[in-house]
Amino acid sequence: MTDTPQTHSPQIPQESGFARFLRATEIDPRLLGMVGALLLIWVAFEAYSTFVLGRPSLLLGASQAEANGFLTPRNLWNLSVQTAYIGIMATGMVLVIITRNIDLSVGSIMGMVGMYMGLLQVEYLTPALGLGHPSIWIITVIFGITMGALIGAFQGVLIAFLNIPSFIVTLGGLLVWRGAAFLVAGGKTIAPLDDTFSLIGGGSFGALGKTGSWIFAVIACVFVVWAFLNGRKARQTHGFALRPVWAETFVIGLVCAVILGATAVVNSYIWPIGNIQKYYASIGQEVPACAQKGGDIYSDVCASFGHGFAYPVLIMIFVAIAMTILMTRTRFGRYVFAIGGNPEAAALSGINTRMMTVKIFTLMGGLAGIAAVIGAARQNSATNAMGNLDELYVIAAAVVGGTSLAGGVGTIYGAIIGALILTSLQTGMVLIGFGDGSYQRIVIGIALVLAVWLDIVYRKRIK
């Protein structure tokens, strides 16, 4: 009689309920981590300003007129505007880093393009076309984006066809373009710029307003529903697994709730009294009592003058959507990830890696041009200091947002959230009294090192 060997089936670890939830909804755990970090930063600054500095808080029942903490409509609106141009450049930096390159020159490109746009307006377009001509801002925007793209293309050619490392080319660009920005006007500030052009930078008149923002929010929610339904249909067509209906509904509801909540916040930030007075003066009507000295700006009449979404934020949103489509729905995006994953294999498979490099740096330069448009418009002037050290914040935003310096990994939405995290740190430190740039750079540097370390840990765990 022989013994029958007993076979033991391997123990399959039980999946937690939260893990099943993430798998069903297909929410990226790293996205949750970034959002959690952002909310933690916001709550920490609000708590410090409330309990340490003794400032009234909306969360503790203070009125909007009294509140002076971090989580106020005014501060969050300004935060969104300050994030815009860094976020725009960070979306391009994602592509650069994914392909195992780096661009240290974007801040200098932004500064030089801004100076040349100011020179174009003040010295050429205004004398030729007349003050306030409607085509001035259009020509300036096209010129700025084109100039940035050409500079990026030039650097891309040096990297791709002369085999000079991107670090060296863009480090040289950082110095060259910053010097050129100084020489174009001898270090002087060029101002003022065209009034219509200045609206692109935001402000009370450079925003959608309450009604326009709600219309935008509704359209955005309809677009979200359409995108999810279209994606579900595409999965069915190609035989891919579908999300459960409850998971699909939850994600759609969550995204729309964020959109509507953000809209309510930006609409809660009321115009300054001076701007309300200017508006009524421009239409020839009597200024309401709420906008006069001693009036209640939060009364029904004046409360209708909410800022809404600023134009820089809308530009960032449209850039982020376009870049996401480019990265996830086009051959160009697939080539970017292929080059980042294995450049040699990508070249052997027939991808023209040199031309791809030129295209990526051209795109990065064009985005720096858009950022220059927003920066110059927001300041209503062109200065040599514009964009100074912003290349470091752009790189940090991409890395904090989950883009791996090892290449092959990165998302557009991660870069936007990374930019929002860094801007929140800067704004919060100013709010609590640490406005010195030295403290801000220390914190940003620590955040960058921490983000890279977390990326290394994460990559080891998924291997």
Protein backbone atom coordinates (compact mmCIF):
# COMPACT_ATOMS: atom_id res chain seq x y z
CA MET A 1 0.00 0.00 0.00
CA THR A 2 1.46 3.29 -1.06
CA ASP A 3 0.85 6.64 0.51
CA THR A 4 -0.96 9.09 -1.70
CA PRO A 5 0.90 12.38 -1.63
CA GLN A 6 -1.28 15.21 -0.52
CA THR A 7 -1.21 18.27 -2.70
CA HIS A 8 -1.62 21.63 -1.11
CA SER A 9 -3.08 24.39 -3.24
CA PRO A 10 -1.23 27.67 -2.82
CA GLN A 11 -2.88 30.18 -0.58
CA ILE A 12 -4.38 33.00 -2.65
CA PRO A 13 -4.31 36.22 -0.69
CA GLN A 14 -7.74 37.68 -0.10
CA GLU A 15 -8.33 41.00 -1.84
CA SER A 16 -9.48 43.75 0.46
CA GLY A 17 -12.70 45.61 -0.15
CA PHE A 18 -10.83 48.82 -0.93
CA ALA A 19 -8.62 46.99 -3.45
CA ARG A 20 -11.74 45.57 -5.13
CA PHE A 21 -13.19 49.09 -5.23
CA LEU A 22 -10.05 50.47 -6.91
CA ARG A 23 -10.00 47.59 -9.40
CA ALA A 24 -13.69 48.08 -10.27
CA THR A 25 -13.45 51.85 -10.66
CA GLU A 26 -9.94 51.72 -12.23
CA ILE A 27 -8.84 54.67 -10.09
CA ASP A 28 -5.05 55.02 -10.04
CA PRO A 29 -3.79 54.56 -6.43
CA ARG A 30 -1.09 57.15 -7.11
CA LEU A 31 -3.79 59.65 -8.04
CA LEU A 32 -5.44 59.05 -4.69
CA GLY A 33 -2.10 59.60 -2.97
CA MET A 34 -1.54 62.92 -4.75
CA VAL A 35 -5.06 64.16 -4.03
CA GLY A 36 -4.70 63.07 -0.41
CA ALA A 37 -1.41 64.97 -0.11
CA LEU A 38 -3.01 68.06 -1.63
CA LEU A 39 -5.95 67.97 0.77
CA LEU A 40 -3.58 67.40 3.70
CA ILE A 41 -1.58 70.50 2.72
CA TRP A 42 -4.75 72.59 2.46
CA VAL A 43 -6.10 71.43 5.81
CA ALA A 44 -2.72 71.92 7.50
CA PHE A 45 -2.39 75.53 6.31
CA GLU A 46 -6.01 76.27 7.25
CA ALA A 47 -5.52 74.79 10.71
CA TYR A 48 -2.28 76.73 11.26
CA SER A 49 -3.82 80.04 10.19
CA THR A 50 -6.91 79.37 12.35
CA PHE A 51 -5.51 77.94 15.57
CA VAL A 52 -1.98 79.38 15.63
CA LEU A 53 -2.48 82.75 13.95
CA GLY A 54 -6.04 83.15 15.23
CA ARG A 55 -7.61 84.01 11.89
CA PRO A 56 -11.37 83.45 11.36
CA SER A 57 -12.16 80.35 9.31
CA LEU A 58 -15.07 79.56 7.02
CA LEU A 59 -14.94 75.99 8.36
CA LEU A 60 -15.70 77.29 11.86
CA GLY A 61 -18.64 79.44 10.84
CA ALA A 62 -16.99 82.77 10.04
CA SER A 63 -18.64 84.87 7.36
CA GLN A 64 -16.95 85.21 3.99
CA ALA A 65 -16.19 88.86 4.76
CA GLU A 66 -14.38 87.90 8.00
CA ALA A 67 -12.59 84.72 6.88
CA ASN A 68 -8.87 85.16 6.33
CA GLY A 69 -7.53 81.62 6.18
CA PHE A 70 -6.25 79.39 3.41
CA LEU A 71 -9.57 77.83 2.37
CA THR A 72 -11.32 81.00 1.24
CA PRO A 73 -12.77 81.58 -2.26
CA ARG A 74 -10.33 84.44 -2.82
CA ASN A 75 -7.24 82.41 -1.95
CA LEU A 76 -8.36 79.32 -3.87
CA TRP A 77 -9.17 81.45 -6.92
CA ASN A 78 -5.73 83.07 -6.83
CA LEU A 79 -4.20 79.64 -6.29
CA SER A 80 -5.83 78.33 -9.47
CA VAL A 81 -4.55 81.28 -11.50
CA GLN A 82 -1.01 80.95 -10.14
CA THR A 83 -1.04 77.23 -10.96
CA ALA A 84 -2.07 77.76 -14.57
CA TYR A 85 1.18 78.64 -16.35
CA ILE A 86 3.27 76.16 -14.30
CA GLY A 87 0.69 73.45 -15.03
CA ILE A 88 0.73 74.22 -18.75
CA MET A 89 4.50 73.85 -19.00
CA ALA A 90 4.44 70.77 -16.74
CA THR A 91 2.21 68.93 -19.24
CA GLY A 92 4.97 69.31 -21.83
CA MET A 93 7.69 68.41 -19.34
CA VAL A 94 5.93 65.08 -18.82
CA LEU A 95 6.67 64.12 -22.45
CA VAL A 96 10.26 65.32 -22.17
CA ILE A 97 10.95 63.29 -19.02
CA ILE A 98 9.09 60.21 -20.25
CA THR A 99 11.55 60.04 -23.17
CA ARG A 100 14.45 60.22 -20.69
CA ASN A 101 15.34 63.84 -21.45
CA ILE A 102 15.15 67.06 -19.45
CA ASP A 103 14.51 70.71 -20.31
CA LEU A 104 16.14 73.27 -18.02
CA SER A 105 15.43 76.21 -20.31
CA VAL A 106 11.62 76.58 -20.16
CA GLY A 107 11.70 79.44 -17.64
CA SER A 108 14.25 81.35 -19.70
CA ILE A 109 12.27 80.72 -22.90
CA MET A 110 9.21 82.08 -21.13
CA GLY A 111 11.12 85.20 -20.07
CA MET A 112 12.59 85.88 -23.50
CA VAL A 113 9.32 85.29 -25.36
CA GLY A 114 7.55 87.60 -22.91
CA MET A 115 10.07 90.38 -23.51
CA TYR A 116 9.81 90.07 -27.29
CA MET A 117 5.99 90.06 -27.11
CA GLY A 118 6.11 93.26 -25.07
CA LEU A 119 8.55 94.83 -27.52
CA LEU A 120 6.35 93.77 -30.45
CA GLN A 121 3.29 95.41 -28.92
CA VAL A 122 4.82 98.64 -27.66
CA GLU A 123 7.37 99.38 -30.40
CA TYR A 124 5.71 97.99 -33.54
CA LEU A 125 2.04 96.97 -33.39
CA THR A 126 0.63 99.90 -31.42
CA PRO A 127 2.34 102.60 -33.58
CA ALA A 128 1.38 100.75 -36.79
CA LEU A 129 -2.20 99.71 -35.97
CA GLY A 130 -3.22 102.22 -33.31
CA LEU A 131 -3.84 101.97 -29.59
CA GLY A 132 -6.31 99.21 -28.68
CA HIS A 133 -6.58 97.72 -32.19
CA PRO A 134 -8.41 94.36 -31.88
CA SER A 135 -5.78 92.42 -33.82
CA ILE A 136 -2.88 93.38 -31.52
CA TRP A 137 -3.53 90.64 -28.97
CA ILE A 138 -4.11 88.00 -31.68
CA ILE A 139 -0.84 88.77 -33.46
CA THR A 140 1.01 88.85 -30.13
CA VAL A 141 -0.32 85.46 -29.01
CA ILE A 142 0.51 83.80 -32.35
CA PHE A 143 3.97 85.38 -32.32
CA GLY A 144 4.69 84.24 -28.75
CA ILE A 145 3.64 80.62 -29.28
CA THR A 146 5.49 80.43 -32.61
CA MET A 147 8.66 81.90 -31.14
CA GLY A 148 8.61 79.46 -28.25
CA ALA A 149 8.05 76.53 -30.60
CA LEU A 150 10.94 77.58 -32.87
CA ILE A 151 13.31 77.84 -29.91
CA GLY A 152 12.20 74.40 -28.74
CA ALA A 153 12.68 72.97 -32.24
CA PHE A 154 16.20 74.43 -32.42
CA GLN A 155 17.14 72.79 -29.12
CA GLY A 156 15.51 69.53 -30.25
CA VAL A 157 17.64 69.47 -33.40
CA LEU A 158 20.82 69.94 -31.36
CA ILE A 159 19.81 67.07 -29.08
CA ALA A 160 18.56 64.67 -31.76
CA PHE A 161 20.95 65.22 -34.67
CA LEU A 162 24.15 66.39 -32.95
CA ASN A 163 23.75 63.91 -30.08
CA ILE A 164 24.37 66.59 -27.44
CA PRO A 165 22.76 65.55 -24.13
CA SER A 166 19.52 67.39 -23.41
CA PHE A 167 20.86 68.44 -20.02
CA ILE A 168 23.73 70.36 -21.66
CA VAL A 169 21.67 71.86 -24.51
CA THR A 170 18.92 73.13 -22.24
CA LEU A 171 21.35 74.27 -19.55
CA GLY A 172 23.02 76.36 -22.24
CA GLY A 173 19.57 77.53 -23.32
CA LEU A 174 18.80 78.58 -19.76
CA LEU A 175 21.75 80.97 -19.87
CA VAL A 176 21.46 82.09 -23.50
CA TRP A 177 17.73 82.87 -23.54
CA ARG A 178 17.87 84.62 -20.16
CA GLY A 179 20.72 86.78 -21.41
CA ALA A 180 18.82 87.53 -24.62
CA ALA A 181 15.79 88.57 -22.58
CA PHE A 182 17.94 91.12 -20.77
CA LEU A 183 19.61 92.46 -23.90
CA VAL A 184 16.40 93.04 -25.87
CA ALA A 185 15.42 95.97 -23.65
CA GLY A 186 18.56 96.56 -21.61
CA GLY A 187 16.91 95.07 -18.53
CA LYS A 188 14.08 97.62 -18.58
CA THR A 189 10.42 96.71 -18.04
CA ILE A 190 8.20 97.07 -21.09
CA ALA A 191 4.74 98.35 -20.14
CA PRO A 192 1.84 98.85 -20.37
CA LEU A 193 0.56 96.15 -22.71
CA ASP A 194 -2.65 96.03 -24.73
CA ASP A 195 -5.80 96.05 -22.56
CA THR A 196 -7.42 93.12 -24.38
CA PHE A 197 -4.20 91.13 -24.22
CA SER A 198 -4.05 91.72 -20.45
CA LEU A 199 -7.40 89.98 -19.98
CA ILE A 200 -5.69 86.67 -20.83
CA GLY A 201 -3.84 86.94 -17.52
CA GLY A 202 -7.02 86.81 -15.43
CA GLY A 203 -8.45 89.33 -13.02
CA SER A 204 -12.03 90.46 -12.45
CA PHE A 205 -12.59 91.20 -16.14
CA GLY A 206 -10.40 88.31 -17.32
CA ALA A 207 -12.78 85.60 -16.17
CA LEU A 208 -16.01 83.95 -17.30
CA GLY A 209 -18.19 85.36 -14.56
CA LYS A 210 -20.89 83.51 -12.65
CA THR A 211 -23.27 82.65 -15.48
CA GLY A 212 -20.55 81.74 -17.94
CA SER A 213 -18.86 79.49 -15.38
CA TRP A 214 -22.05 77.56 -14.63
CA ILE A 215 -22.62 77.09 -18.36
CA PHE A 216 -19.05 75.86 -18.69
CA ALA A 217 -19.54 73.46 -15.75
CA VAL A 218 -22.70 71.97 -17.28
CA ILE A 219 -20.98 71.52 -20.65
CA ALA A 220 -17.99 69.93 -18.90
CA CYS A 221 -20.26 67.44 -17.08
CA VAL A 222 -22.03 66.55 -20.33
CA PHE A 223 -18.62 66.00 -21.92
CA VAL A 224 -17.58 63.74 -19.02
CA VAL A 225 -20.72 61.61 -19.39
CA TRP A 226 -20.22 61.39 -23.16
CA ALA A 227 -16.54 60.45 -22.78
CA PHE A 228 -17.33 57.62 -20.34
CA LEU A 229 -20.20 56.28 -22.44
CA ASN A 230 -18.08 56.47 -25.58
CA GLY A 231 -15.25 54.65 -23.79
CA ARG A 232 -17.64 51.93 -22.64
CA LYS A 233 -18.92 51.49 -26.18
CA ALA A 234 -15.36 51.23 -27.50
CA ARG A 235 -14.59 48.53 -24.93
CA GLN A 236 -17.62 46.55 -26.01
CA THR A 237 -16.62 46.88 -29.67
CA HIS A 238 -13.12 45.54 -29.02
CA GLY A 239 -14.14 42.90 -26.49
CA PHE A 240 -12.43 44.45 -23.47
CA ALA A 241 -13.67 44.03 -19.89
CA LEU A 242 -16.23 46.60 -18.79
CA ARG A 243 -16.42 48.46 -15.54
CA PRO A 244 -19.45 47.56 -13.40
CA VAL A 245 -22.29 50.01 -13.97
CA TRP A 246 -22.13 51.15 -10.34
CA ALA A 247 -18.39 51.90 -10.68
CA GLU A 248 -18.94 53.84 -13.90
CA THR A 249 -21.73 55.84 -12.29
CA PHE A 250 -19.63 56.54 -9.20
CA VAL A 251 -16.67 57.88 -11.18
CA ILE A 252 -18.88 60.05 -13.40
CA GLY A 253 -20.66 61.43 -10.33
CA LEU A 254 -17.36 62.10 -8.55
CA VAL A 255 -15.85 63.98 -11.50
CA CYS A 256 -19.00 66.07 -12.00
CA ALA A 257 -19.16 66.80 -8.26
CA VAL A 258 -15.58 68.13 -8.38
CA ILE A 259 -16.42 70.29 -11.41
CA LEU A 260 -19.57 71.73 -9.83
CA GLY A 261 -17.83 72.24 -6.46
CA ALA A 262 -14.94 74.10 -8.08
CA THR A 263 -17.43 76.25 -9.98
CA ALA A 264 -19.27 77.15 -6.77
CA VAL A 265 -15.97 78.17 -5.13
CA VAL A 266 -14.73 80.43 -7.95
CA ASN A 267 -18.18 81.99 -8.26
CA SER A 268 -18.11 82.80 -4.54
CA TYR A 269 -15.16 85.15 -5.01
CA ILE A 270 -16.85 88.52 -5.57
CA TRP A 271 -15.39 91.36 -7.62
CA PRO A 272 -13.69 94.17 -5.69
CA ILE A 273 -15.89 97.21 -5.13
CA GLY A 274 -13.74 99.32 -7.46
CA ASN A 275 -14.32 96.95 -10.38
CA ILE A 276 -18.08 96.85 -9.76
CA GLN A 277 -18.07 100.65 -9.82
CA LYS A 278 -16.11 100.64 -13.10
CA TYR A 279 -18.61 98.20 -14.61
CA TYR A 280 -21.62 100.37 -13.77
CA ALA A 281 -19.79 103.47 -14.98
CA SER A 282 -19.06 101.77 -18.31
CA ILE A 283 -22.77 100.99 -18.89
CA GLY A 284 -23.90 104.38 -17.63
CA GLN A 285 -25.95 103.16 -14.67
CA GLU A 286 -26.01 104.20 -11.04
CA VAL A 287 -23.72 102.23 -8.74
CA PRO A 288 -25.80 100.06 -6.35
CA ALA A 289 -25.64 100.67 -2.61
CA CYS A 290 -23.66 97.47 -2.00
CA ALA A 291 -20.76 98.84 -4.07
CA GLN A 292 -20.70 102.22 -2.41
CA LYS A 293 -18.69 103.19 0.66
CA GLY A 294 -19.89 101.19 3.65
CA GLY A 295 -22.02 98.89 1.47
CA ASP A 296 -22.37 95.12 1.85
CA ILE A 297 -20.51 93.60 -1.09
CA TYR A 298 -22.03 90.19 -0.31
CA SER A 299 -25.62 91.39 -0.79
CA ASP A 300 -27.70 89.91 -3.60
CA VAL A 301 -26.84 92.55 -6.22
CA CYS A 302 -23.05 92.59 -5.75
CA ALA A 303 -22.88 88.85 -5.07
CA SER A 304 -23.95 88.29 -8.67
CA PHE A 305 -20.53 89.63 -9.74
CA GLY A 306 -18.61 86.43 -9.01
CA HIS A 307 -15.29 86.04 -10.79
CA GLY A 308 -15.90 82.52 -12.06
CA PHE A 309 -13.14 80.64 -13.85
CA ALA A 310 -10.22 82.86 -14.86
CA TYR A 311 -9.04 82.68 -18.47
CA PRO A 312 -5.60 81.24 -17.52
CA VAL A 313 -7.35 78.35 -15.77
CA LEU A 314 -9.54 77.68 -18.81
CA ILE A 315 -6.44 77.71 -21.02
CA MET A 316 -4.76 75.20 -18.69
CA ILE A 317 -7.85 72.95 -18.78
CA PHE A 318 -7.99 72.96 -22.58
CA VAL A 319 -4.23 72.34 -22.83
CA ALA A 320 -4.52 69.44 -20.36
CA ILE A 321 -7.39 67.87 -22.34
CA ALA A 322 -5.53 68.27 -25.64
CA MET A 323 -2.32 66.82 -24.19
CA THR A 324 -4.20 63.90 -22.64
CA ILE A 325 -5.79 63.07 -25.99
CA LEU A 326 -2.40 63.40 -27.65
CA MET A 327 -0.80 61.02 -25.15
CA THR A 328 -3.54 58.40 -24.92
CA ARG A 329 -5.37 58.44 -28.25
CA THR A 330 -2.73 59.07 -30.93
CA ARG A 331 0.22 57.31 -32.50
CA PHE A 332 2.43 60.15 -31.32
CA GLY A 333 1.60 59.33 -27.69
CA ARG A 334 2.29 55.63 -28.18
CA TYR A 335 5.66 56.47 -29.71
CA VAL A 336 6.51 58.69 -26.73
CA PHE A 337 5.93 55.86 -24.26
CA ALA A 338 7.74 53.39 -26.53
CA ILE A 339 10.83 55.61 -26.64
CA GLY A 340 10.72 56.11 -22.89
CA GLY A 341 10.36 52.39 -22.23
CA ASN A 342 13.24 51.31 -24.46
CA PRO A 343 14.80 53.81 -26.91
CA GLU A 344 16.87 51.17 -28.73
CA ALA A 345 13.90 48.86 -29.27
CA ALA A 346 11.77 51.81 -30.41
CA ALA A 347 14.37 52.76 -33.02
CA LEU A 348 14.68 49.15 -34.23
CA SER A 349 10.89 48.92 -34.58
CA GLY A 350 10.91 51.75 -37.10
CA ILE A 351 10.14 54.79 -34.95
CA ASN A 352 12.07 57.87 -36.06
CA THR A 353 13.31 58.71 -32.58
CA ARG A 354 15.26 61.75 -33.76
CA MET A 355 12.25 63.45 -35.32
CA MET A 356 10.17 62.51 -32.30
CA THR A 357 12.70 64.26 -30.07
CA VAL A 358 12.50 67.39 -32.21
CA LYS A 359 8.69 67.32 -32.10
CA ILE A 360 8.61 66.87 -28.33
CA PHE A 361 10.94 69.81 -27.70
CA THR A 362 9.02 71.90 -30.23
CA LEU A 363 5.84 71.18 -28.31
CA MET A 364 7.58 72.02 -25.04
CA GLY A 365 8.72 75.35 -26.48
CA GLY A 366 5.22 76.13 -27.72
CA LEU A 367 3.78 75.48 -24.26
CA ALA A 368 6.44 77.77 -22.77
CA GLY A 369 5.21 80.37 -25.26
CA ILE A 370 1.63 79.96 -23.99
CA ALA A 371 2.92 80.34 -20.43
CA ALA A 372 4.73 83.53 -21.49
CA VAL A 373 1.47 84.91 -22.88
CA ILE A 374 -0.29 84.28 -19.56
CA GLY A 375 2.62 85.62 -17.49
CA ALA A 376 3.01 88.85 -19.48
CA ALA A 377 -0.75 89.40 -19.60
CA ARG A 378 -1.10 88.86 -15.85
CA GLN A 379 1.65 91.38 -15.04
CA ASN A 380 0.49 93.73 -17.83
CA SER A 381 4.18 94.13 -18.56
CA ALA A 382 7.23 92.27 -19.82
CA THR A 383 10.15 91.96 -17.42
CA ASN A 384 13.49 90.23 -17.60
CA ALA A 385 12.74 88.39 -14.35
CA MET A 386 9.62 86.66 -15.67
CA GLY A 387 9.98 82.88 -15.53
CA ASN A 388 13.11 83.04 -13.36
CA LEU A 389 13.72 79.56 -11.82
CA ASP A 390 10.33 78.38 -13.10
CA GLU A 391 12.05 75.52 -14.92
CA LEU A 392 12.74 73.96 -11.53
CA TYR A 393 9.11 74.25 -10.46
CA VAL A 394 7.95 72.79 -13.78
CA ILE A 395 10.25 69.78 -13.45
CA ALA A 396 9.27 69.36 -9.82
CA ALA A 397 5.56 69.50 -10.73
CA ALA A 398 5.98 66.73 -13.30
CA VAL A 399 7.98 64.55 -10.89
CA VAL A 400 5.72 65.18 -7.89
CA GLY A 401 2.83 64.30 -10.21
CA GLY A 402 4.23 60.82 -10.79
CA THR A 403 6.42 61.19 -13.88
CA SER A 404 9.39 58.86 -13.48
CA LEU A 405 12.88 60.18 -14.14
CA ALA A 406 13.73 56.67 -15.32
CA GLY A 407 11.43 57.28 -18.30
CA GLY A 408 8.36 55.54 -19.67
CA VAL A 409 5.89 56.61 -16.94
CA GLY A 410 3.87 59.81 -16.58
CA THR A 411 0.41 61.34 -16.81
CA ILE A 412 -0.90 64.76 -17.74
CA TYR A 413 -3.37 64.95 -14.86
CA GLY A 414 -0.57 64.01 -12.48
CA ALA A 415 1.49 66.99 -13.68
CA ILE A 416 -1.45 69.35 -13.12
CA ILE A 417 -1.97 68.04 -9.59
CA GLY A 418 1.77 68.26 -8.98
CA ALA A 419 1.74 71.91 -10.05
CA LEU A 420 -1.23 72.54 -7.74
CA ILE A 421 0.61 70.91 -4.82
CA LEU A 422 3.73 73.04 -5.32
CA THR A 423 1.73 76.24 -5.77
CA SER A 424 -0.28 75.40 -2.65
CA LEU A 425 2.95 75.06 -0.68
CA GLN A 426 4.19 78.44 -1.96
CA THR A 427 0.90 80.23 -1.37
CA GLY A 428 0.37 78.66 2.04
CA MET A 429 3.81 79.64 3.26
CA VAL A 430 3.23 83.25 2.23
CA LEU A 431 -0.15 83.17 3.98
CA ILE A 432 1.29 82.01 7.29
CA GLY A 433 4.17 84.48 7.19
CA PHE A 434 6.99 82.56 5.48
CA GLY A 435 7.03 84.70 2.36
CA ASP A 436 10.82 84.61 2.03
CA GLY A 437 11.69 82.75 -1.17
CA SER A 438 14.46 80.88 0.67
CA TYR A 439 11.96 78.97 2.81
CA GLN A 440 9.84 78.20 -0.23
CA ARG A 441 12.78 76.77 -2.15
CA ILE A 442 13.75 74.60 0.80
CA VAL A 443 10.24 73.13 0.97
CA ILE A 444 10.02 72.63 -2.81
CA GLY A 445 13.43 70.92 -2.79
CA ILE A 446 12.37 68.55 -0.01
CA ALA A 447 9.12 67.80 -1.85
CA LEU A 448 11.03 66.99 -5.04
CA VAL A 449 13.46 64.60 -3.31
CA LEU A 450 10.59 62.94 -1.44
CA ALA A 451 8.62 62.48 -4.67
CA VAL A 452 11.58 60.80 -6.41
CA TRP A 453 12.13 58.52 -3.42
CA LEU A 454 8.44 57.52 -3.41
CA ASP A 455 8.66 56.82 -7.14
CA ILE A 456 11.63 54.50 -6.55
CA VAL A 457 9.76 52.67 -3.78
CA TYR A 458 6.63 52.37 -5.93
CA ARG A 459 8.54 51.00 -8.94
CA LYS A 460 10.21 48.36 -6.73
CA ARG A 461 6.86 47.23 -5.33
CA ILE A 462 5.21 46.74 -8.74
CA LYS A 463 8.13 44.77 -10.19
